[in-house]
Amino acid sequence: MGTKFIDSSAWSKLLKKHKLRDSTLAPAMSSFWDCKPPAYEGRLIALDKLKKGATKLSKDAKFKAVPEVAEYLGYLLKDIDATLKTTKRDKIKHEANEKKHGAREVDMQFVYVDFLGSPMLSHRAYIEIKAPGRDTITLSKPIKGGVVSFKGIEIMPVGSLRIMVVPTGKAAHVSSGVTTYKLGSSKTLTVRSEEMSKIQRISAGSSAQVAKKIGSKLSAEVDYKILKVGGETYVEGETTTAGNKSISWEVLVPTGAFKLTVK
């Protein structure tokens, strides 16, 4: 049957059409698709959540009363069972093959700090793990409190990590970085990503002009920070205008690159 019914968009449209509410299945479907093979452990966790959620809803009187929804849930459960079977089989084959080449199962934790030193929020993390001659592992999750974690990921002892974060809320900059890693004896690999920044000097008549000149799409200082105006230290919250004159501004902006530390 494949994965035809593991579709968060189709499920959301069905709920909207029949004015039903559910906050379980769509996130689990997204988690399933975010864990690309060979990240089988994440897929199995998502499928398990999906099966429990779909089973519960299929017994709920409100959902059973709508034939189209009840039919979808029935097909979804069959789809989940078929996908669980193939995913477990593929996981066993993959692990046997990887262990021949020295792969190890580790938990992975990624810490994200913005260019102001605060935990990143309202972003989604994308991670690619590569090793010579092996399949690329692709992971993705929303960043919560500056942290993203994955359990039981099979990776080679030596490889590379490509990390990127994309805003999920208002428009903002994208940062990325690449580094190598080497597994030690620990069962957890921790990667700290710190946004790098630089000071930019701008001649402008107002903070609105400053934002425009640095290409900010935001009215608030989210992807930049004003440090000095006309040589004087800027006090946050101040409104500064110079009429038709231009004055010197010092602004801290992210470079779009991460400084990565692997432990």
C-alpha atoms as a PDB file:
ATOM      1  CA  MET A   1       0.000   0.000   0.000  1.00  0.00           C
ATOM      2  CA  GLY A   2       2.961   2.315   0.475  1.00  0.00           C
ATOM      3  CA  THR A   3       2.559   5.570   2.391  1.00  0.00           C
ATOM      4  CA  LYS A   4      -0.386   7.089   0.523  1.00  0.00           C
ATOM      5  CA  PHE A   5      -2.421   7.853   3.651  1.00  0.00           C
ATOM      6  CA  ILE A   6       0.445   9.101   5.831  1.00  0.00           C
ATOM      7  CA  ASP A   7      -0.270  12.599   4.563  1.00  0.00           C
ATOM      8  CA  SER A   8      -0.657  15.430   7.086  1.00  0.00           C
ATOM      9  CA  SER A   9      -2.073  17.792   4.442  1.00  0.00           C
ATOM     10  CA  ALA A  10      -4.828  15.353   3.413  1.00  0.00           C
ATOM     11  CA  TRP A  11      -5.643  14.619   7.072  1.00  0.00           C
ATOM     12  CA  SER A  12      -5.840  18.320   7.970  1.00  0.00           C
ATOM     13  CA  LYS A  13      -8.165  19.020   5.005  1.00  0.00           C
ATOM     14  CA  LEU A  14     -10.408  16.153   6.064  1.00  0.00           C
ATOM     15  CA  LEU A  15     -10.635  17.468   9.619  1.00  0.00           C
ATOM     16  CA  LYS A  16     -11.444  20.968   8.381  1.00  0.00           C
ATOM     17  CA  LYS A  17     -14.067  19.683   5.969  1.00  0.00           C
ATOM     18  CA  HIS A  18     -15.948  17.837   8.712  1.00  0.00           C
ATOM     19  CA  LYS A  19     -15.186  20.335  11.510  1.00  0.00           C
ATOM     20  CA  LEU A  20     -13.265  17.820  13.622  1.00  0.00           C
ATOM     21  CA  ARG A  21     -10.229  18.491  15.807  1.00  0.00           C
ATOM     22  CA  ASP A  22      -7.104  16.399  16.377  1.00  0.00           C
ATOM     23  CA  SER A  23      -3.572  17.451  17.352  1.00  0.00           C
ATOM     24  CA  THR A  24      -1.887  14.031  17.248  1.00  0.00           C
ATOM     25  CA  LEU A  25      -1.737  12.548  13.769  1.00  0.00           C
ATOM     26  CA  ALA A  26      -0.462  15.475  11.660  1.00  0.00           C
ATOM     27  CA  PRO A  27       2.686  16.080  13.815  1.00  0.00           C
ATOM     28  CA  ALA A  28       3.456  12.336  13.832  1.00  0.00           C
ATOM     29  CA  MET A  29       3.070  12.222  10.041  1.00  0.00           C
ATOM     30  CA  SER A  30       5.451  15.170   9.672  1.00  0.00           C
ATOM     31  CA  SER A  31       7.967  13.503  12.017  1.00  0.00           C
ATOM     32  CA  PHE A  32       7.816  10.347   9.900  1.00  0.00           C
ATOM     33  CA  TRP A  33       8.655  12.235   6.703  1.00  0.00           C
ATOM     34  CA  ASP A  34      11.308  14.362   8.445  1.00  0.00           C
ATOM     35  CA  CYS A  35      13.322  11.220   9.254  1.00  0.00           C
ATOM     36  CA  LYS A  36      14.620  10.140   5.864  1.00  0.00           C
ATOM     37  CA  PRO A  37      16.114   6.659   5.462  1.00  0.00           C
ATOM     38  CA  PRO A  38      18.409   5.470   6.931  1.00  0.00           C
ATOM     39  CA  ALA A  39      17.100   7.263  10.072  1.00  0.00           C
ATOM     40  CA  TYR A  40      14.834   4.283  10.730  1.00  0.00           C
ATOM     41  CA  GLU A  41      14.590   4.675  14.507  1.00  0.00           C
ATOM     42  CA  GLY A  42      12.916   8.067  14.180  1.00  0.00           C
ATOM     43  CA  ARG A  43      10.525   6.662  11.584  1.00  0.00           C
ATOM     44  CA  LEU A  44       9.554   3.780  13.847  1.00  0.00           C
ATOM     45  CA  ILE A  45       8.905   6.135  16.777  1.00  0.00           C
ATOM     46  CA  ALA A  46       6.675   8.306  14.557  1.00  0.00           C
ATOM     47  CA  LEU A  47       4.849   5.261  13.182  1.00  0.00           C
ATOM     48  CA  ASP A  48       4.218   3.956  16.701  1.00  0.00           C
ATOM     49  CA  LYS A  49       2.684   7.317  17.701  1.00  0.00           C
ATOM     50  CA  LEU A  50       0.657   7.307  14.505  1.00  0.00           C
ATOM     51  CA  LYS A  51      -0.708   3.822  15.129  1.00  0.00           C
ATOM     52  CA  LYS A  52      -1.701   4.606  18.718  1.00  0.00           C
ATOM     53  CA  GLY A  53      -3.342   7.870  17.668  1.00  0.00           C
ATOM     54  CA  ALA A  54      -5.177   6.419  14.667  1.00  0.00           C
ATOM     55  CA  THR A  55      -6.389   3.431  16.706  1.00  0.00           C
ATOM     56  CA  LYS A  56      -7.755   5.751  19.401  1.00  0.00           C
ATOM     57  CA  LEU A  57      -9.548   7.995  16.893  1.00  0.00           C
ATOM     58  CA  SER A  58     -10.990   5.031  14.979  1.00  0.00           C
ATOM     59  CA  LYS A  59     -12.854   4.083  18.186  1.00  0.00           C
ATOM     60  CA  ASP A  60     -14.000   7.635  18.917  1.00  0.00           C
ATOM     61  CA  ALA A  61     -17.751   8.065  18.310  1.00  0.00           C
ATOM     62  CA  LYS A  62     -17.311  11.520  16.689  1.00  0.00           C
ATOM     63  CA  PHE A  63     -14.878  10.155  14.100  1.00  0.00           C
ATOM     64  CA  LYS A  64     -16.767   6.881  13.552  1.00  0.00           C
ATOM     65  CA  ALA A  65     -19.918   8.889  12.784  1.00  0.00           C
ATOM     66  CA  VAL A  66     -18.325  10.438   9.667  1.00  0.00           C
ATOM     67  CA  PRO A  67     -17.988   7.699   6.983  1.00  0.00           C
ATOM     68  CA  GLU A  68     -15.273   9.503   4.997  1.00  0.00           C
ATOM     69  CA  VAL A  69     -13.130  10.020   8.101  1.00  0.00           C
ATOM     70  CA  ALA A  70     -13.722   6.496   9.413  1.00  0.00           C
ATOM     71  CA  GLU A  71     -12.736   5.082   6.009  1.00  0.00           C
ATOM     72  CA  TYR A  72      -9.575   7.209   5.907  1.00  0.00           C
ATOM     73  CA  LEU A  73      -8.549   6.026   9.396  1.00  0.00           C
ATOM     74  CA  GLY A  74      -9.114   2.421   8.341  1.00  0.00           C
ATOM     75  CA  TYR A  75      -6.858   2.805   5.315  1.00  0.00           C
ATOM     76  CA  LEU A  76      -4.349   4.767   7.394  1.00  0.00           C
ATOM     77  CA  LEU A  77      -4.036   1.929   9.928  1.00  0.00           C
ATOM     78  CA  LYS A  78      -3.426  -0.575   7.110  1.00  0.00           C
ATOM     79  CA  ASP A  79      -0.886   1.814   5.618  1.00  0.00           C
ATOM     80  CA  ILE A  80       0.879   2.181   8.977  1.00  0.00           C
ATOM     81  CA  ASP A  81       1.052  -1.603   9.505  1.00  0.00           C
ATOM     82  CA  ALA A  82       2.502  -2.143   6.031  1.00  0.00           C
ATOM     83  CA  THR A  83       5.027   0.669   6.502  1.00  0.00           C
ATOM     84  CA  LEU A  84       6.010  -0.609   9.958  1.00  0.00           C
ATOM     85  CA  LYS A  85       6.743  -4.018   8.464  1.00  0.00           C
ATOM     86  CA  THR A  86       8.939  -2.681   5.657  1.00  0.00           C
ATOM     87  CA  THR A  87      10.670  -0.136   7.924  1.00  0.00           C
ATOM     88  CA  LYS A  88      11.594  -2.780  10.503  1.00  0.00           C
ATOM     89  CA  ARG A  89      12.900  -5.039   7.740  1.00  0.00           C
ATOM     90  CA  ASP A  90      14.931  -2.234   6.161  1.00  0.00           C
ATOM     91  CA  LYS A  91      16.284  -1.182   9.585  1.00  0.00           C
ATOM     92  CA  ILE A  92      17.593  -4.692  10.289  1.00  0.00           C
ATOM     93  CA  LYS A  93      19.249  -4.916   6.870  1.00  0.00           C
ATOM     94  CA  HIS A  94      20.738  -1.428   7.203  1.00  0.00           C
ATOM     95  CA  GLU A  95      22.112  -2.018  10.714  1.00  0.00           C
ATOM     96  CA  ALA A  96      23.705  -5.328   9.712  1.00  0.00           C
ATOM     97  CA  ASN A  97      25.381  -3.647   6.756  1.00  0.00           C
ATOM     98  CA  GLU A  98      26.492  -0.599   8.745  1.00  0.00           C
ATOM     99  CA  LYS A  99      27.978  -2.640  11.584  1.00  0.00           C
ATOM    100  CA  LYS A 100      30.186  -4.401   9.071  1.00  0.00           C
ATOM    101  CA  HIS A 101      31.700  -1.000   8.410  1.00  0.00           C
ATOM    102  CA  GLY A 102      31.968   0.058  12.073  1.00  0.00           C
ATOM    103  CA  ALA A 103      28.765   2.121  12.453  1.00  0.00           C
ATOM    104  CA  ARG A 104      27.569   2.838  15.999  1.00  0.00           C
ATOM    105  CA  GLU A 105      24.195   3.767  17.432  1.00  0.00           C
ATOM    106  CA  VAL A 106      24.339   7.071  19.335  1.00  0.00           C
ATOM    107  CA  ASP A 107      21.961   9.662  20.707  1.00  0.00           C
ATOM    108  CA  MET A 108      22.480  13.092  19.146  1.00  0.00           C
ATOM    109  CA  GLN A 109      21.840  16.485  20.694  1.00  0.00           C
ATOM    110  CA  PHE A 110      22.126  19.781  18.837  1.00  0.00           C
ATOM    111  CA  VAL A 111      22.288  23.076  20.750  1.00  0.00           C
ATOM    112  CA  TYR A 112      21.521  26.320  18.896  1.00  0.00           C
ATOM    113  CA  VAL A 113      22.531  29.788  20.124  1.00  0.00           C
ATOM    114  CA  ASP A 114      21.689  32.942  18.172  1.00  0.00           C
ATOM    115  CA  PHE A 115      24.115  35.781  17.431  1.00  0.00           C
ATOM    116  CA  LEU A 116      23.073  37.538  20.666  1.00  0.00           C
ATOM    117  CA  GLY A 117      23.919  34.502  22.808  1.00  0.00           C
ATOM    118  CA  SER A 118      20.312  33.421  23.440  1.00  0.00           C
ATOM    119  CA  PRO A 119      18.738  30.003  22.714  1.00  0.00           C
ATOM    120  CA  MET A 120      17.228  29.965  19.225  1.00  0.00           C
ATOM    121  CA  LEU A 121      13.439  29.898  19.010  1.00  0.00           C
ATOM    122  CA  SER A 122      10.895  29.707  16.154  1.00  0.00           C
ATOM    123  CA  HIS A 123      13.297  27.853  13.868  1.00  0.00           C
ATOM    124  CA  ARG A 124      13.462  24.394  12.315  1.00  0.00           C
ATOM    125  CA  ALA A 125      16.727  22.459  12.235  1.00  0.00           C
ATOM    126  CA  TYR A 126      17.974  20.450   9.264  1.00  0.00           C
ATOM    127  CA  ILE A 127      20.944  18.104   9.707  1.00  0.00           C
ATOM    128  CA  GLU A 128      22.827  16.024   7.137  1.00  0.00           C
ATOM    129  CA  ILE A 129      25.282  13.362   8.294  1.00  0.00           C
ATOM    130  CA  LYS A 130      27.720  12.049   5.703  1.00  0.00           C
ATOM    131  CA  ALA A 131      30.483   9.465   5.686  1.00  0.00           C
ATOM    132  CA  PRO A 132      32.525   8.159   2.737  1.00  0.00           C
ATOM    133  CA  GLY A 133      30.697   5.429   0.844  1.00  0.00           C
ATOM    134  CA  ARG A 134      27.645   5.494   3.146  1.00  0.00           C
ATOM    135  CA  ASP A 135      24.079   6.753   2.692  1.00  0.00           C
ATOM    136  CA  THR A 136      23.448  10.341   3.770  1.00  0.00           C
ATOM    137  CA  ILE A 137      21.311  10.598   6.919  1.00  0.00           C
ATOM    138  CA  THR A 138      18.877  13.529   6.915  1.00  0.00           C
ATOM    139  CA  LEU A 139      17.223  14.675  10.156  1.00  0.00           C
ATOM    140  CA  SER A 140      14.821  17.529  10.836  1.00  0.00           C
ATOM    141  CA  LYS A 141      12.885  18.851  13.841  1.00  0.00           C
ATOM    142  CA  PRO A 142      11.558  22.137  15.242  1.00  0.00           C
ATOM    143  CA  ILE A 143      14.009  23.749  17.672  1.00  0.00           C
ATOM    144  CA  LYS A 144      12.551  23.935  21.177  1.00  0.00           C
ATOM    145  CA  GLY A 145      14.352  26.002  23.798  1.00  0.00           C
ATOM    146  CA  GLY A 146      17.455  26.058  21.643  1.00  0.00           C
ATOM    147  CA  VAL A 147      17.774  22.260  21.521  1.00  0.00           C
ATOM    148  CA  VAL A 148      17.002  19.412  19.113  1.00  0.00           C
ATOM    149  CA  SER A 149      17.566  15.746  20.084  1.00  0.00           C
ATOM    150  CA  PHE A 150      17.469  12.386  18.282  1.00  0.00           C
ATOM    151  CA  LYS A 151      17.725   8.898  19.810  1.00  0.00           C
ATOM    152  CA  GLY A 152      19.429   5.833  18.406  1.00  0.00           C
ATOM    153  CA  ILE A 153      20.928   7.160  15.163  1.00  0.00           C
ATOM    154  CA  GLU A 154      23.334   4.766  13.393  1.00  0.00           C
ATOM    155  CA  ILE A 155      26.360   6.754  12.221  1.00  0.00           C
ATOM    156  CA  MET A 156      29.904   5.969  11.146  1.00  0.00           C
ATOM    157  CA  PRO A 157      32.769   6.669  13.595  1.00  0.00           C
ATOM    158  CA  VAL A 158      34.054   9.480  11.368  1.00  0.00           C
ATOM    159  CA  GLY A 159      32.082  11.756   9.082  1.00  0.00           C
ATOM    160  CA  SER A 160      30.754  15.239   8.472  1.00  0.00           C
ATOM    161  CA  LEU A 161      27.787  17.259   9.678  1.00  0.00           C
ATOM    162  CA  ARG A 162      25.975  19.926   7.685  1.00  0.00           C
ATOM    163  CA  ILE A 163      23.621  22.016   9.818  1.00  0.00           C
ATOM    164  CA  MET A 164      21.058  24.616   8.764  1.00  0.00           C
ATOM    165  CA  VAL A 165      18.254  26.447  10.579  1.00  0.00           C
ATOM    166  CA  VAL A 166      15.247  28.020   8.875  1.00  0.00           C
ATOM    167  CA  PRO A 167      12.782  30.414  10.568  1.00  0.00           C
ATOM    168  CA  THR A 168       9.266  29.057  11.080  1.00  0.00           C
ATOM    169  CA  GLY A 169       7.691  32.339  12.184  1.00  0.00           C
ATOM    170  CA  LYS A 170       8.324  35.795  10.760  1.00  0.00           C
ATOM    171  CA  ALA A 171      10.838  36.325   7.974  1.00  0.00           C
ATOM    172  CA  ALA A 172      14.415  36.195   9.232  1.00  0.00           C
ATOM    173  CA  HIS A 173      17.899  35.143   8.195  1.00  0.00           C
ATOM    174  CA  VAL A 174      19.042  31.546   7.615  1.00  0.00           C
ATOM    175  CA  SER A 175      22.267  30.266   9.187  1.00  0.00           C
ATOM    176  CA  SER A 176      24.269  27.162   8.345  1.00  0.00           C
ATOM    177  CA  GLY A 177      27.567  25.440   8.990  1.00  0.00           C
ATOM    178  CA  VAL A 178      29.629  22.359   8.139  1.00  0.00           C
ATOM    179  CA  THR A 179      32.069  20.450  10.324  1.00  0.00           C
ATOM    180  CA  THR A 180      33.601  17.021  10.797  1.00  0.00           C
ATOM    181  CA  TYR A 181      33.050  14.688  13.743  1.00  0.00           C
ATOM    182  CA  LYS A 182      34.801  11.720  15.307  1.00  0.00           C
ATOM    183  CA  LEU A 183      32.982   9.464  17.763  1.00  0.00           C
ATOM    184  CA  GLY A 184      34.560   8.914  21.159  1.00  0.00           C
ATOM    185  CA  SER A 185      33.421   6.405  23.770  1.00  0.00           C
ATOM    186  CA  SER A 186      30.337   8.420  24.793  1.00  0.00           C
ATOM    187  CA  LYS A 187      26.890   7.231  23.740  1.00  0.00           C
ATOM    188  CA  THR A 188      25.845  10.828  23.014  1.00  0.00           C
ATOM    189  CA  LEU A 189      27.228  13.167  20.354  1.00  0.00           C
ATOM    190  CA  THR A 190      26.606  16.839  21.198  1.00  0.00           C
ATOM    191  CA  VAL A 191      26.945  19.620  18.647  1.00  0.00           C
ATOM    192  CA  ARG A 192      26.812  23.292  19.669  1.00  0.00           C
ATOM    193  CA  SER A 193      25.958  25.783  16.926  1.00  0.00           C
ATOM    194  CA  GLU A 194      26.662  29.449  17.663  1.00  0.00           C
ATOM    195  CA  GLU A 195      25.689  32.105  15.127  1.00  0.00           C
ATOM    196  CA  MET A 196      28.640  34.261  14.179  1.00  0.00           C
ATOM    197  CA  SER A 197      28.224  38.028  13.893  1.00  0.00           C
ATOM    198  CA  LYS A 198      29.991  41.153  12.657  1.00  0.00           C
ATOM    199  CA  ILE A 199      29.732  44.900  13.230  1.00  0.00           C
ATOM    200  CA  GLN A 200      28.417  46.860  10.287  1.00  0.00           C
ATOM    201  CA  ARG A 201      28.780  50.654  10.077  1.00  0.00           C
ATOM    202  CA  ILE A 202      25.976  52.473   8.299  1.00  0.00           C
ATOM    203  CA  SER A 203      25.175  56.084   7.506  1.00  0.00           C
ATOM    204  CA  ALA A 204      21.439  56.710   7.913  1.00  0.00           C
ATOM    205  CA  GLY A 205      18.900  59.191   9.237  1.00  0.00           C
ATOM    206  CA  SER A 206      16.707  56.765  11.209  1.00  0.00           C
ATOM    207  CA  SER A 207      16.499  53.202  12.491  1.00  0.00           C
ATOM    208  CA  ALA A 208      14.004  52.445   9.707  1.00  0.00           C
ATOM    209  CA  GLN A 209      16.647  53.422   7.157  1.00  0.00           C
ATOM    210  CA  VAL A 210      19.186  51.263   8.978  1.00  0.00           C
ATOM    211  CA  ALA A 211      16.892  48.228   8.713  1.00  0.00           C
ATOM    212  CA  LYS A 212      16.344  48.917   5.017  1.00  0.00           C
ATOM    213  CA  LYS A 213      20.078  49.278   4.285  1.00  0.00           C
ATOM    214  CA  ILE A 214      21.019  46.001   5.973  1.00  0.00           C
ATOM    215  CA  GLY A 215      18.198  44.228   4.164  1.00  0.00           C
ATOM    216  CA  SER A 216      16.133  43.425   7.241  1.00  0.00           C
ATOM    217  CA  LYS A 217      12.532  42.430   6.552  1.00  0.00           C
ATOM    218  CA  LEU A 218      11.585  43.103  10.148  1.00  0.00           C
ATOM    219  CA  SER A 219      10.619  46.325  11.876  1.00  0.00           C
ATOM    220  CA  ALA A 220      11.942  45.097  15.235  1.00  0.00           C
ATOM    221  CA  GLU A 221      15.566  44.247  15.984  1.00  0.00           C
ATOM    222  CA  VAL A 222      15.312  40.500  15.531  1.00  0.00           C
ATOM    223  CA  ASP A 223      17.997  39.863  12.938  1.00  0.00           C
ATOM    224  CA  TYR A 224      20.226  42.809  13.899  1.00  0.00           C
ATOM    225  CA  LYS A 225      21.127  44.844  16.998  1.00  0.00           C
ATOM    226  CA  ILE A 226      21.955  48.549  17.124  1.00  0.00           C
ATOM    227  CA  LEU A 227      25.110  49.178  19.209  1.00  0.00           C
ATOM    228  CA  LYS A 228      25.936  52.858  18.694  1.00  0.00           C
ATOM    229  CA  VAL A 229      24.288  55.932  17.160  1.00  0.00           C
ATOM    230  CA  GLY A 230      26.483  58.900  16.276  1.00  0.00           C
ATOM    231  CA  GLY A 231      29.284  57.441  18.377  1.00  0.00           C
ATOM    232  CA  GLU A 232      27.076  57.148  21.495  1.00  0.00           C
ATOM    233  CA  THR A 233      25.973  53.840  23.002  1.00  0.00           C
ATOM    234  CA  TYR A 234      22.433  53.049  21.880  1.00  0.00           C
ATOM    235  CA  VAL A 235      19.801  52.571  24.598  1.00  0.00           C
ATOM    236  CA  GLU A 236      17.339  49.866  23.636  1.00  0.00           C
ATOM    237  CA  GLY A 237      13.865  51.188  22.919  1.00  0.00           C
ATOM    238  CA  GLU A 238      15.024  54.672  21.967  1.00  0.00           C
ATOM    239  CA  THR A 239      13.631  56.215  18.800  1.00  0.00           C
ATOM    240  CA  THR A 240      16.405  57.992  16.964  1.00  0.00           C
ATOM    241  CA  THR A 241      15.931  60.197  13.917  1.00  0.00           C
ATOM    242  CA  ALA A 242      18.235  62.786  12.393  1.00  0.00           C
ATOM    243  CA  GLY A 243      15.780  64.495  10.087  1.00  0.00           C
ATOM    244  CA  ASN A 244      17.320  64.953   6.664  1.00  0.00           C
ATOM    245  CA  LYS A 245      20.839  64.432   8.034  1.00  0.00           C
ATOM    246  CA  SER A 246      22.690  61.128   8.096  1.00  0.00           C
ATOM    247  CA  ILE A 247      24.565  59.956  11.153  1.00  0.00           C
ATOM    248  CA  SER A 248      26.814  56.980  11.829  1.00  0.00           C
ATOM    249  CA  TRP A 249      25.270  53.750  13.184  1.00  0.00           C
ATOM    250  CA  GLU A 250      27.077  50.661  14.439  1.00  0.00           C
ATOM    251  CA  VAL A 251      24.943  47.551  14.010  1.00  0.00           C
ATOM    252  CA  LEU A 252      25.621  43.946  15.009  1.00  0.00           C
ATOM    253  CA  VAL A 253      24.390  41.524  12.348  1.00  0.00           C
ATOM    254  CA  PRO A 254      24.652  37.726  11.932  1.00  0.00           C
ATOM    255  CA  THR A 255      26.950  36.526   9.168  1.00  0.00           C
ATOM    256  CA  GLY A 256      24.794  33.519   8.243  1.00  0.00           C
ATOM    257  CA  ALA A 257      27.496  31.118   9.452  1.00  0.00           C
ATOM    258  CA  PHE A 258      27.613  28.878  12.512  1.00  0.00           C
ATOM    259  CA  LYS A 259      30.634  28.235  14.720  1.00  0.00           C
ATOM    260  CA  LEU A 260      30.282  24.514  15.414  1.00  0.00           C
ATOM    261  CA  THR A 261      31.699  22.642  18.398  1.00  0.00           C
ATOM    262  CA  VAL A 262      31.425  18.840  18.544  1.00  0.00           C
ATOM    263  CA  LYS A 263      31.744  16.870  21.790  1.00  0.00           C
END
